[in-house]
Amino acid sequence: MARRPKAETQRMFKAVAVLLRNTTWKCGKIERLVVGYLQSHLRRDGRRWSRIRDMVQHFKLKGKQKSEFFDALRRLEKRRIIRIETL
């Protein structure tokens, strides 16, 4: 697994994740955590989105875990479960 460029990581920190579909079928552990986090935001605040920076802080990710988290976000976006929008 190659290391991500710093500019791409910084762009991801400034972006938001928007929940498009409420499904976790054939998803891994990290993907389920992300979808569950966005579902709780929808139930609690009525918002379908959350900042990626807030999610990283909530899950207390460091190093390799953060890289796996970004990969999981990309997989969810590819499957059209979430949409990543830059601000």
Protein backbone atom coordinates (compact mmCIF):
# COMPACT_ATOMS: atom_id res chain seq x y z
CA MET A 1 0.00 0.00 0.00
CA ALA A 2 1.52 3.31 -1.11
CA ARG A 3 1.63 6.38 1.05
CA ARG A 4 -0.81 9.17 0.20
CA PRO A 5 0.43 12.62 -0.75
CA LYS A 6 0.06 15.20 2.02
CA ALA A 7 -2.07 17.49 -0.17
CA GLU A 8 -4.63 14.73 -0.74
CA THR A 9 -4.85 14.00 2.98
CA GLN A 10 -5.35 17.68 3.78
CA ARG A 11 -8.11 17.89 1.15
CA MET A 12 -9.85 14.93 2.78
CA PHE A 13 -9.68 16.63 6.20
CA LYS A 14 -11.46 19.69 4.83
CA ALA A 15 -14.15 17.62 3.07
CA VAL A 16 -17.52 16.39 4.29
CA ALA A 17 -19.11 12.97 3.87
CA VAL A 18 -22.77 12.93 2.84
CA LEU A 19 -24.88 9.82 3.44
CA LEU A 20 -26.72 8.81 0.26
CA ARG A 21 -27.97 5.32 1.16
CA ASN A 22 -28.67 3.72 4.48
CA THR A 23 -27.12 0.31 3.81
CA THR A 24 -24.15 -1.69 5.05
CA TRP A 25 -24.61 -4.80 2.94
CA LYS A 26 -21.23 -6.38 2.09
CA CYS A 27 -19.36 -3.67 4.01
CA GLY A 28 -16.38 -4.15 6.26
CA LYS A 29 -16.00 -3.10 9.89
CA ILE A 30 -14.75 0.42 9.19
CA GLU A 31 -17.40 1.06 6.54
CA ARG A 32 -20.11 0.02 9.02
CA LEU A 33 -18.69 2.40 11.62
CA VAL A 34 -18.77 5.30 9.14
CA VAL A 35 -22.33 4.60 7.98
CA GLY A 36 -23.47 4.15 11.59
CA TYR A 37 -21.85 7.47 12.56
CA LEU A 38 -23.62 9.26 9.69
CA GLN A 39 -26.92 7.56 10.57
CA SER A 40 -26.64 8.77 14.16
CA HIS A 41 -26.04 12.32 12.89
CA LEU A 42 -29.18 12.02 10.76
CA ARG A 43 -31.26 10.79 13.69
CA ARG A 44 -29.85 13.27 16.21
CA ASP A 45 -29.39 16.49 14.18
CA GLY A 46 -31.34 15.90 10.98
CA ARG A 47 -28.13 16.28 8.95
CA ARG A 48 -27.00 13.66 6.46
CA TRP A 49 -23.42 14.95 6.47
CA SER A 50 -20.45 15.23 8.77
CA ARG A 51 -16.93 16.59 8.46
CA ILE A 52 -14.28 13.97 7.91
CA ARG A 53 -12.06 15.71 10.47
CA ASP A 54 -14.78 15.20 13.11
CA MET A 55 -15.04 11.51 12.24
CA VAL A 56 -11.27 11.03 12.57
CA GLN A 57 -11.36 12.69 15.99
CA HIS A 58 -14.41 10.67 17.07
CA PHE A 59 -12.83 7.33 16.12
CA LYS A 60 -9.41 8.43 17.56
CA LEU A 61 -7.47 7.26 14.49
CA LYS A 62 -3.68 7.32 14.27
CA GLY A 63 -1.19 6.29 11.58
CA LYS A 64 -2.17 3.16 9.66
CA GLN A 65 -5.71 3.25 11.02
CA LYS A 66 -6.19 6.67 9.44
CA SER A 67 -5.00 5.34 6.08
CA GLU A 68 -7.41 2.40 6.31
CA PHE A 69 -10.19 4.86 7.22
CA PHE A 70 -9.53 6.94 4.08
CA ASP A 71 -9.51 3.75 1.98
CA ALA A 72 -12.87 2.79 3.51
CA LEU A 73 -14.30 6.22 2.61
CA ARG A 74 -13.14 5.74 -0.98
CA ARG A 75 -14.77 2.29 -1.13
CA LEU A 76 -18.04 3.69 0.21
CA GLU A 77 -17.92 6.50 -2.34
CA LYS A 78 -17.24 4.03 -5.15
CA ARG A 79 -20.27 1.97 -4.08
CA ARG A 80 -22.37 5.20 -3.96
CA ILE A 81 -23.26 4.86 -0.30
CA ILE A 82 -21.66 8.20 0.61
CA ARG A 83 -20.50 11.23 -1.36
CA ILE A 84 -17.35 13.16 -0.43
CA GLU A 85 -17.64 16.88 -1.07
CA THR A 86 -14.79 19.34 -0.67
CA LEU A 87 -15.47 22.69 0.95
